[in-house]
Amino acid sequence: MARCEICNKSNLKGHKISITRSQVSRRAKKVFKSNIKKIRVVINGTAKKISVCTSCMRTNKIKRAV
């Protein structure tokens, strides 16, 4: 299972609820997958490939390698 190495975000488990919400028996198990990419990052002056979620990429928590 992929996991963000910055914020430890991974897949979430929940229920897929049908259109008629009153029927409890019509709930199926569902996995909500996080949007994780493998990118090159500068860590301690060296370029390294790590798994990072896109929300960490947008907030500039990492410095990308060129």
C-alpha atoms as a PDB file:
ATOM      1  CA  MET A   1       0.000   0.000   0.000  1.00  0.00           C
ATOM      2  CA  ALA A   2       1.368   3.379  -0.981  1.00  0.00           C
ATOM      3  CA  ARG A   3       1.893   5.961   1.746  1.00  0.00           C
ATOM      4  CA  CYS A   4       3.066   9.571   1.649  1.00  0.00           C
ATOM      5  CA  GLU A   5       6.491   9.784   3.277  1.00  0.00           C
ATOM      6  CA  ILE A   6       5.889  13.399   4.388  1.00  0.00           C
ATOM      7  CA  CYS A   7       2.465  13.274   6.098  1.00  0.00           C
ATOM      8  CA  ASN A   8       1.850   9.455   6.238  1.00  0.00           C
ATOM      9  CA  LYS A   9      -1.407   9.735   4.278  1.00  0.00           C
ATOM     10  CA  SER A  10      -2.648   6.415   2.907  1.00  0.00           C
ATOM     11  CA  ASN A  11      -5.870   4.728   1.780  1.00  0.00           C
ATOM     12  CA  LEU A  12      -9.084   5.252   3.762  1.00  0.00           C
ATOM     13  CA  LYS A  13     -11.856   2.690   4.259  1.00  0.00           C
ATOM     14  CA  GLY A  14     -15.533   3.541   4.282  1.00  0.00           C
ATOM     15  CA  HIS A  15     -18.920   2.681   2.835  1.00  0.00           C
ATOM     16  CA  LYS A  16     -20.370   3.307  -0.597  1.00  0.00           C
ATOM     17  CA  ILE A  17     -23.920   4.424   0.134  1.00  0.00           C
ATOM     18  CA  SER A  18     -26.686   3.830  -2.406  1.00  0.00           C
ATOM     19  CA  ILE A  19     -28.992   6.548  -3.710  1.00  0.00           C
ATOM     20  CA  THR A  20     -31.766   5.580  -1.288  1.00  0.00           C
ATOM     21  CA  ARG A  21     -29.924   6.324   1.953  1.00  0.00           C
ATOM     22  CA  SER A  22     -32.629   4.867   4.212  1.00  0.00           C
ATOM     23  CA  GLN A  23     -31.654   1.292   3.403  1.00  0.00           C
ATOM     24  CA  VAL A  24     -28.754   0.419   5.655  1.00  0.00           C
ATOM     25  CA  SER A  25     -28.288  -3.004   4.093  1.00  0.00           C
ATOM     26  CA  ARG A  26     -27.340  -1.433   0.733  1.00  0.00           C
ATOM     27  CA  ARG A  27     -23.964  -0.183   1.910  1.00  0.00           C
ATOM     28  CA  ALA A  28     -20.931  -1.707   0.233  1.00  0.00           C
ATOM     29  CA  LYS A  29     -17.360  -1.505   1.494  1.00  0.00           C
ATOM     30  CA  LYS A  30     -15.168   0.944  -0.422  1.00  0.00           C
ATOM     31  CA  VAL A  31     -11.516   1.998  -0.395  1.00  0.00           C
ATOM     32  CA  PHE A  32     -10.816   5.703  -0.954  1.00  0.00           C
ATOM     33  CA  LYS A  33      -7.375   5.833  -2.578  1.00  0.00           C
ATOM     34  CA  SER A  34      -5.086   8.778  -1.924  1.00  0.00           C
ATOM     35  CA  ASN A  35      -3.399  10.578  -4.836  1.00  0.00           C
ATOM     36  CA  ILE A  36       0.259   9.618  -4.336  1.00  0.00           C
ATOM     37  CA  LYS A  37       3.027  10.202  -6.881  1.00  0.00           C
ATOM     38  CA  LYS A  38       6.659   9.090  -6.962  1.00  0.00           C
ATOM     39  CA  ILE A  39       8.859  12.151  -7.499  1.00  0.00           C
ATOM     40  CA  ARG A  40      12.518  13.129  -7.213  1.00  0.00           C
ATOM     41  CA  VAL A  41      13.248  15.226  -4.126  1.00  0.00           C
ATOM     42  CA  VAL A  42      16.413  16.846  -2.758  1.00  0.00           C
ATOM     43  CA  ILE A  43      17.179  15.426   0.705  1.00  0.00           C
ATOM     44  CA  ASN A  44      20.441  16.447   2.429  1.00  0.00           C
ATOM     45  CA  GLY A  45      21.876  17.658  -0.885  1.00  0.00           C
ATOM     46  CA  THR A  46      21.205  14.418  -2.804  1.00  0.00           C
ATOM     47  CA  ALA A  47      18.371  13.595  -5.192  1.00  0.00           C
ATOM     48  CA  LYS A  48      16.147  10.727  -4.066  1.00  0.00           C
ATOM     49  CA  LYS A  49      12.832   9.231  -5.272  1.00  0.00           C
ATOM     50  CA  ILE A  50      10.084   9.179  -2.644  1.00  0.00           C
ATOM     51  CA  SER A  51       6.300   8.777  -2.582  1.00  0.00           C
ATOM     52  CA  VAL A  52       4.510  12.081  -1.910  1.00  0.00           C
ATOM     53  CA  CYS A  53       0.810  12.970  -1.965  1.00  0.00           C
ATOM     54  CA  THR A  54      -0.299  15.808  -4.217  1.00  0.00           C
ATOM     55  CA  SER A  55      -1.472  17.961  -1.297  1.00  0.00           C
ATOM     56  CA  CYS A  56       2.099  17.979   0.085  1.00  0.00           C
ATOM     57  CA  MET A  57       3.394  18.870  -3.390  1.00  0.00           C
ATOM     58  CA  ARG A  58       1.008  21.837  -3.639  1.00  0.00           C
ATOM     59  CA  THR A  59       1.895  23.244  -0.200  1.00  0.00           C
ATOM     60  CA  ASN A  60       5.666  23.177  -0.989  1.00  0.00           C
ATOM     61  CA  LYS A  61       6.591  20.930   1.944  1.00  0.00           C
ATOM     62  CA  ILE A  62       9.353  19.455  -0.246  1.00  0.00           C
ATOM     63  CA  LYS A  63      12.025  20.711  -2.628  1.00  0.00           C
ATOM     64  CA  ARG A  64      11.920  19.005  -5.991  1.00  0.00           C
ATOM     65  CA  ALA A  65      15.081  17.928  -7.797  1.00  0.00           C
ATOM     66  CA  VAL A  66      15.753  19.321 -11.270  1.00  0.00           C
END
